[in-house]
């Protein structure tokens, strides 16, 4: 979120994205709202964050039923 270059480029991308914060022990700043086509923010510990991001992306694609086999727990 601290990358100014990333913040400048995101509005020009045509792809939607999920912002991932994978270190639950360290509070990471989020990108400002309204930059690009953010579907959501996944925050957790390590791989848990990426599984949650995948679940958000599958839901966006209308494939949430296939994601029911995956449990993102704490």
N, C-alpha and C. Protein backbone atom coordinates (compact mmCIF):
# COMPACT_ATOMS: atom_id res chain seq x y z
N UNK A 1 0.82 -1.20 0.00
CA UNK A 1 0.00 0.00 0.00
C UNK A 1 0.85 1.25 0.00
N UNK A 2 2.11 1.10 0.38
CA UNK A 2 2.98 2.26 0.46
C UNK A 2 3.60 2.65 -0.88
N UNK A 3 3.37 1.87 -1.92
CA UNK A 3 3.98 2.14 -3.22
C UNK A 3 3.17 3.18 -3.99
N UNK A 4 3.76 4.33 -4.18
CA UNK A 4 3.08 5.39 -4.95
C UNK A 4 2.92 4.97 -6.41
N UNK A 5 3.90 4.24 -6.94
CA UNK A 5 3.81 3.77 -8.33
C UNK A 5 2.59 2.86 -8.50
N UNK A 6 2.40 1.94 -7.56
CA UNK A 6 1.25 1.05 -7.61
C UNK A 6 -0.05 1.85 -7.55
N UNK A 7 -0.10 2.83 -6.68
CA UNK A 7 -1.31 3.65 -6.55
C UNK A 7 -1.60 4.43 -7.83
N UNK A 8 -0.55 4.83 -8.55
CA UNK A 8 -0.75 5.55 -9.82
C UNK A 8 -1.22 4.61 -10.93
N UNK A 9 -0.75 3.35 -10.92
CA UNK A 9 -1.07 2.42 -12.00
C UNK A 9 -2.42 1.73 -11.86
N UNK A 10 -2.86 1.46 -10.65
CA UNK A 10 -4.10 0.69 -10.45
C UNK A 10 -5.33 1.26 -11.16
N UNK A 11 -5.54 2.57 -11.19
CA UNK A 11 -6.74 3.08 -11.88
C UNK A 11 -6.76 2.75 -13.38
N UNK A 12 -5.61 2.45 -13.97
CA UNK A 12 -5.54 2.19 -15.41
C UNK A 12 -5.66 0.70 -15.75
N UNK A 13 -5.62 -0.16 -14.75
CA UNK A 13 -5.74 -1.59 -15.00
C UNK A 13 -7.20 -1.95 -15.25
N UNK A 14 -7.41 -2.88 -16.15
CA UNK A 14 -8.77 -3.32 -16.46
C UNK A 14 -9.17 -4.54 -15.64
N UNK A 15 -8.23 -5.13 -14.95
CA UNK A 15 -8.50 -6.33 -14.15
C UNK A 15 -8.90 -5.95 -12.73
N UNK A 16 -9.85 -6.68 -12.21
CA UNK A 16 -10.21 -6.52 -10.80
C UNK A 16 -9.14 -7.21 -9.96
N UNK A 17 -9.01 -6.80 -8.70
CA UNK A 17 -8.00 -7.40 -7.83
C UNK A 17 -8.52 -7.50 -6.41
N UNK A 18 -7.88 -8.38 -5.64
CA UNK A 18 -8.14 -8.51 -4.21
C UNK A 18 -6.86 -8.07 -3.51
N UNK A 19 -6.97 -7.12 -2.63
CA UNK A 19 -5.81 -6.65 -1.86
C UNK A 19 -5.55 -7.64 -0.73
N UNK A 20 -4.31 -8.11 -0.62
CA UNK A 20 -3.97 -9.13 0.37
C UNK A 20 -2.96 -8.58 1.37
N UNK A 21 -3.26 -8.78 2.65
CA UNK A 21 -2.34 -8.45 3.74
C UNK A 21 -2.11 -9.75 4.49
N UNK A 22 -0.88 -10.27 4.42
CA UNK A 22 -0.62 -11.61 4.92
C UNK A 22 0.16 -11.67 6.23
N UNK A 23 0.32 -10.57 6.91
CA UNK A 23 1.02 -10.58 8.19
C UNK A 23 0.10 -10.01 9.26
N UNK A 24 -0.66 -10.89 9.89
CA UNK A 24 -1.63 -10.46 10.89
C UNK A 24 -1.01 -9.81 12.11
N UNK A 25 0.30 -10.02 12.31
CA UNK A 25 0.96 -9.45 13.48
C UNK A 25 1.34 -7.99 13.27
N UNK A 26 1.36 -7.55 12.01
CA UNK A 26 1.76 -6.18 11.68
C UNK A 26 0.61 -5.50 10.95
N UNK A 27 0.16 -4.38 11.46
CA UNK A 27 -0.91 -3.64 10.79
C UNK A 27 -0.35 -2.99 9.53
N UNK A 28 -0.87 -3.39 8.39
CA UNK A 28 -0.43 -2.84 7.11
C UNK A 28 -1.48 -1.87 6.59
N UNK A 29 -1.06 -0.72 6.07
CA UNK A 29 -2.05 0.22 5.53
C UNK A 29 -2.68 -0.33 4.25
N UNK A 30 -3.95 -0.05 4.08
CA UNK A 30 -4.66 -0.45 2.86
C UNK A 30 -4.51 0.62 1.81
N UNK A 31 -4.68 0.21 0.57
CA UNK A 31 -4.71 1.19 -0.52
C UNK A 31 -5.93 2.08 -0.32
N UNK A 32 -5.86 3.32 -0.75
CA UNK A 32 -7.02 4.20 -0.62
C UNK A 32 -8.22 3.65 -1.40
N UNK A 33 -9.40 3.90 -0.89
CA UNK A 33 -10.64 3.46 -1.56
C UNK A 33 -10.74 4.14 -2.92
N UNK A 34 -11.34 3.44 -3.87
CA UNK A 34 -11.58 4.02 -5.18
C UNK A 34 -10.42 3.92 -6.15
N UNK A 35 -9.36 3.20 -5.78
CA UNK A 35 -8.23 3.03 -6.69
C UNK A 35 -8.39 1.69 -7.40
N UNK A 36 -8.68 1.72 -8.66
CA UNK A 36 -8.84 0.49 -9.42
C UNK A 36 -10.12 -0.24 -9.07
N UNK A 37 -10.19 -1.49 -9.47
CA UNK A 37 -11.39 -2.30 -9.29
C UNK A 37 -11.17 -3.32 -8.18
N UNK A 38 -11.00 -2.84 -6.97
CA UNK A 38 -10.76 -3.74 -5.83
C UNK A 38 -12.04 -4.47 -5.46
N UNK A 39 -11.95 -5.80 -5.40
CA UNK A 39 -13.10 -6.63 -5.02
C UNK A 39 -13.23 -6.72 -3.51
N UNK A 40 -12.13 -6.63 -2.82
CA UNK A 40 -12.15 -6.76 -1.37
C UNK A 40 -10.75 -6.76 -0.81
N UNK A 41 -10.68 -6.89 0.50
CA UNK A 41 -9.40 -6.94 1.20
C UNK A 41 -9.36 -8.23 2.00
N UNK A 42 -8.31 -9.01 1.80
CA UNK A 42 -8.11 -10.25 2.54
C UNK A 42 -6.96 -10.03 3.51
N UNK A 43 -7.26 -10.16 4.79
CA UNK A 43 -6.23 -9.97 5.81
C UNK A 43 -6.22 -11.18 6.73
N UNK A 44 -5.05 -11.69 7.01
CA UNK A 44 -4.93 -12.85 7.87
C UNK A 44 -3.48 -13.18 8.12
N UNK A 45 -3.20 -14.45 8.29
CA UNK A 45 -1.84 -14.91 8.57
C UNK A 45 -1.36 -15.80 7.44
N UNK A 46 -0.33 -15.37 6.73
CA UNK A 46 0.29 -16.18 5.69
C UNK A 46 -0.69 -16.67 4.64
N UNK A 47 -0.64 -17.99 4.41
CA UNK A 47 -1.45 -18.60 3.35
C UNK A 47 -2.94 -18.39 3.55
N UNK A 48 -3.37 -18.23 4.79
CA UNK A 48 -4.80 -18.01 5.07
C UNK A 48 -5.31 -16.80 4.28
N UNK A 49 -4.52 -15.76 4.20
CA UNK A 49 -4.92 -14.55 3.47
C UNK A 49 -5.15 -14.83 1.99
N UNK A 50 -4.28 -15.66 1.41
CA UNK A 50 -4.39 -15.95 -0.02
C UNK A 50 -5.57 -16.87 -0.32
N UNK A 51 -5.88 -17.78 0.59
CA UNK A 51 -7.05 -18.63 0.41
C UNK A 51 -8.32 -17.78 0.50
N UNK A 52 -8.34 -16.83 1.43
CA UNK A 52 -9.48 -15.92 1.54
C UNK A 52 -9.60 -15.07 0.28
N UNK A 53 -8.48 -14.59 -0.25
CA UNK A 53 -8.50 -13.80 -1.49
C UNK A 53 -9.05 -14.63 -2.64
N UNK A 54 -8.65 -15.90 -2.71
CA UNK A 54 -9.16 -16.79 -3.75
C UNK A 54 -10.67 -16.97 -3.61
N UNK A 55 -11.14 -17.10 -2.39
CA UNK A 55 -12.58 -17.24 -2.15
C UNK A 55 -13.33 -16.00 -2.62
N UNK A 56 -12.79 -14.82 -2.35
CA UNK A 56 -13.40 -13.56 -2.79
C UNK A 56 -13.44 -13.52 -4.32
N UNK A 57 -12.34 -13.91 -4.96
CA UNK A 57 -12.28 -13.89 -6.43
C UNK A 57 -13.26 -14.90 -7.04
N UNK A 58 -13.34 -16.10 -6.47
CA UNK A 58 -14.28 -17.10 -6.99
C UNK A 58 -15.72 -16.63 -6.84
N UNK A 59 -16.01 -15.98 -5.74
CA UNK A 59 -17.35 -15.44 -5.53
C UNK A 59 -17.67 -14.39 -6.60
N UNK A 60 -16.71 -13.54 -6.89
CA UNK A 60 -16.88 -12.50 -7.91
C UNK A 60 -17.15 -13.13 -9.29
N UNK A 61 -16.51 -14.25 -9.55
CA UNK A 61 -16.67 -14.94 -10.84
C UNK A 61 -17.92 -15.82 -10.90
N UNK A 62 -18.65 -15.88 -9.79
CA UNK A 62 -19.84 -16.71 -9.74
C UNK A 62 -19.55 -18.18 -9.52
N UNK A 63 -18.38 -18.47 -9.00
CA UNK A 63 -17.97 -19.85 -8.78
C UNK A 63 -17.87 -20.18 -7.30
N UNK A 64 -18.64 -19.49 -6.48
CA UNK A 64 -18.56 -19.68 -5.03
C UNK A 64 -18.93 -21.09 -4.62
N UNK A 65 -19.80 -21.75 -5.37
CA UNK A 65 -20.19 -23.12 -5.03
C UNK A 65 -18.99 -24.06 -5.04
N UNK A 66 -18.07 -23.85 -5.97
CA UNK A 66 -16.88 -24.69 -6.03
C UNK A 66 -15.96 -24.40 -4.85
N UNK A 67 -16.05 -23.21 -4.28
CA UNK A 67 -15.17 -22.83 -3.17
C UNK A 67 -15.64 -23.40 -1.85
N UNK A 68 -16.84 -23.97 -1.79
CA UNK A 68 -17.35 -24.49 -0.52
C UNK A 68 -16.52 -25.64 0.02
N UNK A 69 -15.69 -26.23 -0.82
CA UNK A 69 -14.82 -27.30 -0.35
C UNK A 69 -13.66 -26.75 0.47
N UNK A 70 -13.42 -25.44 0.41
CA UNK A 70 -12.30 -24.82 1.11
C UNK A 70 -12.82 -24.09 2.32
N UNK A 71 -12.19 -24.31 3.46
CA UNK A 71 -12.57 -23.60 4.68
C UNK A 71 -11.44 -22.66 5.08
N UNK A 72 -11.77 -21.39 5.24
CA UNK A 72 -10.79 -20.42 5.70
C UNK A 72 -11.09 -20.17 7.17
N UNK A 73 -10.32 -20.75 8.03
CA UNK A 73 -10.56 -20.63 9.47
C UNK A 73 -9.46 -19.87 10.17
N UNK A 74 -9.67 -19.72 11.45
CA UNK A 74 -8.65 -19.04 12.25
C UNK A 74 -8.00 -20.02 13.19
